[in-house]
Amino acid sequence: MSAASGVAVSTLQGYFGSREDMLVEALRGATSSEVSALYDLAGGFDDPWQQLVALVDRGLSTPVSTWRMLMEFWTAAAHDAELRAHAAVLARQYREPFLEAVRRGVDAGSFSSRFEVAAVVDVLVATMDGLVYPLVLNHRSSADLEYRDVVLAQLAFTLGIDA
């Protein structure tokens, strides 16, 4: 954050009080911006499937620097109840555009989901989040379209569509 903001670490710590507070604020801002971008992206499509494809493409193209920040935050949250609570709020916010797109498709009759909408979105987001370690550790390339194709094929099967 210091390099990105051009402010000394000690100054940032004075503003926020702790490293954890800085992480929470950074992720709160990043999540808010990302959720807005996801809604804007989904709003560009009338077809619920195209909305989901666009959302998945955005999720799978998350920059490594963002994944690194999330990895650090989630690791800290695993050991801190207060950070876990913040992580839960941020996760709910991130999931909303995906939930709305799937619900919209189910309500319109475009999707005949084999499972509850929340479970479908849980698996979808977990699948995208599963890229965090391979990408941060440089074990694969986010440009690998086969991963995307498998994610979309699983989603299409689950939602009962022929995509």
C-alpha atoms as a PDB file:
ATOM      1  CA  MET A   1       0.000   0.000   0.000  1.00  0.00           C
ATOM      2  CA  SER A   2       2.867   2.325   0.757  1.00  0.00           C
ATOM      3  CA  ALA A   3       4.256   2.102  -2.774  1.00  0.00           C
ATOM      4  CA  ALA A   4       0.823   2.429  -4.358  1.00  0.00           C
ATOM      5  CA  SER A   5      -0.111   5.469  -2.291  1.00  0.00           C
ATOM      6  CA  GLY A   6       3.299   7.143  -2.221  1.00  0.00           C
ATOM      7  CA  VAL A   7       3.043   7.439   1.558  1.00  0.00           C
ATOM      8  CA  ALA A   8       5.534   6.041   4.068  1.00  0.00           C
ATOM      9  CA  VAL A   9       4.579   2.833   5.882  1.00  0.00           C
ATOM     10  CA  SER A  10       4.869   4.600   9.250  1.00  0.00           C
ATOM     11  CA  THR A  11       2.437   7.296   8.091  1.00  0.00           C
ATOM     12  CA  LEU A  12      -0.031   4.669   6.894  1.00  0.00           C
ATOM     13  CA  GLN A  13       0.242   2.820  10.205  1.00  0.00           C
ATOM     14  CA  GLY A  14      -0.505   6.091  11.980  1.00  0.00           C
ATOM     15  CA  TYR A  15      -3.653   6.558   9.896  1.00  0.00           C
ATOM     16  CA  PHE A  16      -4.900   3.020  10.281  1.00  0.00           C
ATOM     17  CA  GLY A  17      -3.476   1.885  13.593  1.00  0.00           C
ATOM     18  CA  SER A  18      -2.396  -1.551  12.406  1.00  0.00           C
ATOM     19  CA  ARG A  19      -1.454  -3.604   9.389  1.00  0.00           C
ATOM     20  CA  GLU A  20      -4.731  -5.505   9.703  1.00  0.00           C
ATOM     21  CA  ASP A  21      -6.734  -2.261   9.644  1.00  0.00           C
ATOM     22  CA  MET A  22      -4.883  -1.258   6.466  1.00  0.00           C
ATOM     23  CA  LEU A  23      -5.692  -4.619   4.877  1.00  0.00           C
ATOM     24  CA  VAL A  24      -9.364  -4.351   5.820  1.00  0.00           C
ATOM     25  CA  GLU A  25      -9.644  -0.854   4.352  1.00  0.00           C
ATOM     26  CA  ALA A  26      -7.730  -1.794   1.215  1.00  0.00           C
ATOM     27  CA  LEU A  27      -9.927  -4.830   0.642  1.00  0.00           C
ATOM     28  CA  ARG A  28     -13.113  -2.965   1.491  1.00  0.00           C
ATOM     29  CA  GLY A  29     -12.262  -0.387  -1.171  1.00  0.00           C
ATOM     30  CA  ALA A  30     -11.135  -2.984  -3.695  1.00  0.00           C
ATOM     31  CA  THR A  31     -14.239  -5.125  -3.108  1.00  0.00           C
ATOM     32  CA  SER A  32     -16.562  -2.153  -3.425  1.00  0.00           C
ATOM     33  CA  SER A  33     -14.921  -1.144  -6.703  1.00  0.00           C
ATOM     34  CA  GLU A  34     -14.960  -4.711  -8.008  1.00  0.00           C
ATOM     35  CA  VAL A  35     -18.623  -5.270  -7.106  1.00  0.00           C
ATOM     36  CA  SER A  36     -19.561  -2.027  -8.891  1.00  0.00           C
ATOM     37  CA  ALA A  37     -17.558  -3.143 -11.926  1.00  0.00           C
ATOM     38  CA  LEU A  38     -19.269  -6.554 -11.881  1.00  0.00           C
ATOM     39  CA  TYR A  39     -22.730  -4.969 -11.784  1.00  0.00           C
ATOM     40  CA  ASP A  40     -21.780  -2.607 -14.619  1.00  0.00           C
ATOM     41  CA  LEU A  41     -20.433  -5.522 -16.622  1.00  0.00           C
ATOM     42  CA  ALA A  42     -23.528  -7.680 -16.073  1.00  0.00           C
ATOM     43  CA  GLY A  43     -25.749  -4.719 -16.944  1.00  0.00           C
ATOM     44  CA  GLY A  44     -24.269  -4.717 -20.433  1.00  0.00           C
ATOM     45  CA  PHE A  45     -26.017  -7.996 -21.285  1.00  0.00           C
ATOM     46  CA  ASP A  46     -29.703  -8.903 -21.389  1.00  0.00           C
ATOM     47  CA  ASP A  47     -29.067 -12.640 -21.594  1.00  0.00           C
ATOM     48  CA  PRO A  48     -28.411 -14.181 -18.132  1.00  0.00           C
ATOM     49  CA  TRP A  49     -25.898 -16.689 -19.556  1.00  0.00           C
ATOM     50  CA  GLN A  50     -23.898 -13.918 -21.213  1.00  0.00           C
ATOM     51  CA  GLN A  51     -23.968 -12.031 -17.905  1.00  0.00           C
ATOM     52  CA  LEU A  52     -22.501 -15.055 -16.128  1.00  0.00           C
ATOM     53  CA  VAL A  53     -19.861 -15.603 -18.806  1.00  0.00           C
ATOM     54  CA  ALA A  54     -18.792 -11.964 -18.471  1.00  0.00           C
ATOM     55  CA  LEU A  55     -18.693 -12.229 -14.661  1.00  0.00           C
ATOM     56  CA  VAL A  56     -16.667 -15.449 -14.807  1.00  0.00           C
ATOM     57  CA  ASP A  57     -14.249 -13.943 -17.314  1.00  0.00           C
ATOM     58  CA  ARG A  58     -13.733 -10.959 -15.025  1.00  0.00           C
ATOM     59  CA  GLY A  59     -13.271 -13.196 -11.971  1.00  0.00           C
ATOM     60  CA  LEU A  60     -10.765 -15.413 -13.746  1.00  0.00           C
ATOM     61  CA  SER A  61      -8.767 -12.426 -14.962  1.00  0.00           C
ATOM     62  CA  THR A  62      -8.166 -11.013 -11.477  1.00  0.00           C
ATOM     63  CA  PRO A  63      -4.660  -9.498 -11.418  1.00  0.00           C
ATOM     64  CA  VAL A  64      -2.002 -11.435  -9.506  1.00  0.00           C
ATOM     65  CA  SER A  65      -1.404  -8.388  -7.280  1.00  0.00           C
ATOM     66  CA  THR A  66      -5.038  -8.544  -6.159  1.00  0.00           C
ATOM     67  CA  TRP A  67      -4.814 -12.294  -5.542  1.00  0.00           C
ATOM     68  CA  ARG A  68      -1.657 -11.704  -3.493  1.00  0.00           C
ATOM     69  CA  MET A  69      -3.454  -9.114  -1.337  1.00  0.00           C
ATOM     70  CA  LEU A  70      -6.421 -11.456  -0.885  1.00  0.00           C
ATOM     71  CA  MET A  71      -4.151 -14.368   0.004  1.00  0.00           C
ATOM     72  CA  GLU A  72      -2.455 -12.271   2.667  1.00  0.00           C
ATOM     73  CA  PHE A  73      -5.782 -11.073   4.042  1.00  0.00           C
ATOM     74  CA  TRP A  74      -7.354 -14.535   4.101  1.00  0.00           C
ATOM     75  CA  THR A  75      -4.282 -15.969   5.825  1.00  0.00           C
ATOM     76  CA  ALA A  76      -4.510 -13.300   8.529  1.00  0.00           C
ATOM     77  CA  ALA A  77      -8.290 -13.829   8.779  1.00  0.00           C
ATOM     78  CA  ALA A  78      -7.758 -17.533   9.404  1.00  0.00           C
ATOM     79  CA  HIS A  79      -6.131 -16.556  12.710  1.00  0.00           C
ATOM     80  CA  ASP A  80      -8.250 -13.561  13.716  1.00  0.00           C
ATOM     81  CA  ALA A  81     -11.998 -13.599  14.424  1.00  0.00           C
ATOM     82  CA  GLU A  82     -12.434  -9.890  13.682  1.00  0.00           C
ATOM     83  CA  LEU A  83     -10.743 -10.211  10.296  1.00  0.00           C
ATOM     84  CA  ARG A  84     -12.833 -13.334   9.581  1.00  0.00           C
ATOM     85  CA  ALA A  85     -15.967 -11.266  10.165  1.00  0.00           C
ATOM     86  CA  HIS A  86     -14.725  -8.624   7.715  1.00  0.00           C
ATOM     87  CA  ALA A  87     -13.834 -11.346   5.210  1.00  0.00           C
ATOM     88  CA  ALA A  88     -17.360 -12.780   5.449  1.00  0.00           C
ATOM     89  CA  VAL A  89     -18.934  -9.389   4.701  1.00  0.00           C
ATOM     90  CA  LEU A  90     -16.629  -8.825   1.728  1.00  0.00           C
ATOM     91  CA  ALA A  91     -17.309 -12.335   0.400  1.00  0.00           C
ATOM     92  CA  ARG A  92     -21.085 -11.770   0.570  1.00  0.00           C
ATOM     93  CA  GLN A  93     -20.725  -8.501  -1.322  1.00  0.00           C
ATOM     94  CA  TYR A  94     -18.589 -10.130  -4.016  1.00  0.00           C
ATOM     95  CA  ARG A  95     -21.045 -13.029  -4.475  1.00  0.00           C
ATOM     96  CA  GLU A  96     -24.101 -10.779  -4.984  1.00  0.00           C
ATOM     97  CA  PRO A  97     -23.686 -10.047  -8.719  1.00  0.00           C
ATOM     98  CA  PHE A  98     -23.254 -13.778  -9.386  1.00  0.00           C
ATOM     99  CA  LEU A  99     -26.297 -14.630  -7.254  1.00  0.00           C
ATOM    100  CA  GLU A 100     -28.397 -12.044  -9.040  1.00  0.00           C
ATOM    101  CA  ALA A 101     -27.358 -13.268 -12.490  1.00  0.00           C
ATOM    102  CA  VAL A 102     -28.187 -16.897 -11.651  1.00  0.00           C
ATOM    103  CA  ARG A 103     -31.490 -15.942  -9.989  1.00  0.00           C
ATOM    104  CA  ARG A 104     -32.386 -13.787 -12.992  1.00  0.00           C
ATOM    105  CA  GLY A 105     -31.784 -16.748 -15.288  1.00  0.00           C
ATOM    106  CA  VAL A 106     -33.794 -19.138 -13.112  1.00  0.00           C
ATOM    107  CA  ASP A 107     -36.668 -16.654 -12.764  1.00  0.00           C
ATOM    108  CA  ALA A 108     -36.712 -16.030 -16.532  1.00  0.00           C
ATOM    109  CA  GLY A 109     -36.748 -19.762 -17.261  1.00  0.00           C
ATOM    110  CA  SER A 110     -33.373 -19.570 -19.001  1.00  0.00           C
ATOM    111  CA  PHE A 111     -31.791 -21.814 -16.360  1.00  0.00           C
ATOM    112  CA  SER A 112     -33.191 -24.936 -14.730  1.00  0.00           C
ATOM    113  CA  SER A 113     -30.655 -25.279 -11.975  1.00  0.00           C
ATOM    114  CA  ARG A 114     -29.987 -28.753 -10.645  1.00  0.00           C
ATOM    115  CA  PHE A 115     -29.114 -27.208  -7.262  1.00  0.00           C
ATOM    116  CA  GLU A 116     -29.993 -24.267  -5.060  1.00  0.00           C
ATOM    117  CA  VAL A 117     -28.761 -20.968  -6.477  1.00  0.00           C
ATOM    118  CA  ALA A 118     -26.604 -20.249  -3.404  1.00  0.00           C
ATOM    119  CA  ALA A 119     -24.824 -23.610  -3.755  1.00  0.00           C
ATOM    120  CA  VAL A 120     -24.159 -22.998  -7.461  1.00  0.00           C
ATOM    121  CA  VAL A 121     -22.618 -19.608  -6.690  1.00  0.00           C
ATOM    122  CA  ASP A 122     -20.620 -21.009  -3.752  1.00  0.00           C
ATOM    123  CA  VAL A 123     -19.015 -23.587  -6.047  1.00  0.00           C
ATOM    124  CA  LEU A 124     -18.466 -21.058  -8.836  1.00  0.00           C
ATOM    125  CA  VAL A 125     -16.740 -18.516  -6.579  1.00  0.00           C
ATOM    126  CA  ALA A 126     -14.708 -21.258  -4.865  1.00  0.00           C
ATOM    127  CA  THR A 127     -13.574 -22.480  -8.285  1.00  0.00           C
ATOM    128  CA  MET A 128     -12.403 -18.991  -9.237  1.00  0.00           C
ATOM    129  CA  ASP A 129     -10.795 -18.443  -5.820  1.00  0.00           C
ATOM    130  CA  GLY A 130      -9.012 -21.757  -6.255  1.00  0.00           C
ATOM    131  CA  LEU A 131      -6.687 -20.038  -8.715  1.00  0.00           C
ATOM    132  CA  VAL A 132      -5.156 -17.858  -6.001  1.00  0.00           C
ATOM    133  CA  TYR A 133      -2.215 -20.075  -5.031  1.00  0.00           C
ATOM    134  CA  PRO A 134      -1.314 -21.366  -8.514  1.00  0.00           C
ATOM    135  CA  LEU A 135      -1.340 -17.814  -9.890  1.00  0.00           C
ATOM    136  CA  VAL A 136       0.477 -16.139  -7.009  1.00  0.00           C
ATOM    137  CA  LEU A 137       3.104 -18.897  -6.994  1.00  0.00           C
ATOM    138  CA  ASN A 138       3.364 -18.723 -10.789  1.00  0.00           C
ATOM    139  CA  HIS A 139       2.408 -22.370 -11.268  1.00  0.00           C
ATOM    140  CA  ARG A 140       0.070 -21.633 -14.167  1.00  0.00           C
ATOM    141  CA  SER A 141      -1.044 -18.829 -16.451  1.00  0.00           C
ATOM    142  CA  SER A 142      -4.337 -16.982 -16.045  1.00  0.00           C
ATOM    143  CA  ALA A 143      -4.483 -16.855 -19.842  1.00  0.00           C
ATOM    144  CA  ASP A 144      -5.104 -20.615 -19.912  1.00  0.00           C
ATOM    145  CA  LEU A 145      -8.492 -20.836 -21.624  1.00  0.00           C
ATOM    146  CA  GLU A 146      -8.984 -24.517 -20.835  1.00  0.00           C
ATOM    147  CA  TYR A 147      -9.608 -23.696 -17.166  1.00  0.00           C
ATOM    148  CA  ARG A 148     -12.208 -21.127 -18.216  1.00  0.00           C
ATOM    149  CA  ASP A 149     -13.841 -23.594 -20.594  1.00  0.00           C
ATOM    150  CA  VAL A 150     -14.142 -26.219 -17.851  1.00  0.00           C
ATOM    151  CA  VAL A 151     -15.616 -23.677 -15.416  1.00  0.00           C
ATOM    152  CA  LEU A 152     -18.193 -22.570 -17.986  1.00  0.00           C
ATOM    153  CA  ALA A 153     -19.001 -26.159 -19.016  1.00  0.00           C
ATOM    154  CA  GLN A 154     -19.611 -27.117 -15.380  1.00  0.00           C
ATOM    155  CA  LEU A 155     -21.763 -24.040 -14.884  1.00  0.00           C
ATOM    156  CA  ALA A 156     -23.780 -24.714 -18.055  1.00  0.00           C
ATOM    157  CA  PHE A 157     -24.385 -28.328 -16.992  1.00  0.00           C
ATOM    158  CA  THR A 158     -25.409 -27.264 -13.488  1.00  0.00           C
ATOM    159  CA  LEU A 159     -27.807 -24.641 -14.860  1.00  0.00           C
ATOM    160  CA  GLY A 160     -29.289 -27.032 -17.408  1.00  0.00           C
ATOM    161  CA  ILE A 161     -28.345 -25.083 -20.499  1.00  0.00           C
ATOM    162  CA  ASP A 162     -26.651 -26.037 -23.739  1.00  0.00           C
ATOM    163  CA  ALA A 163     -23.921 -23.432 -24.110  1.00  0.00           C
END
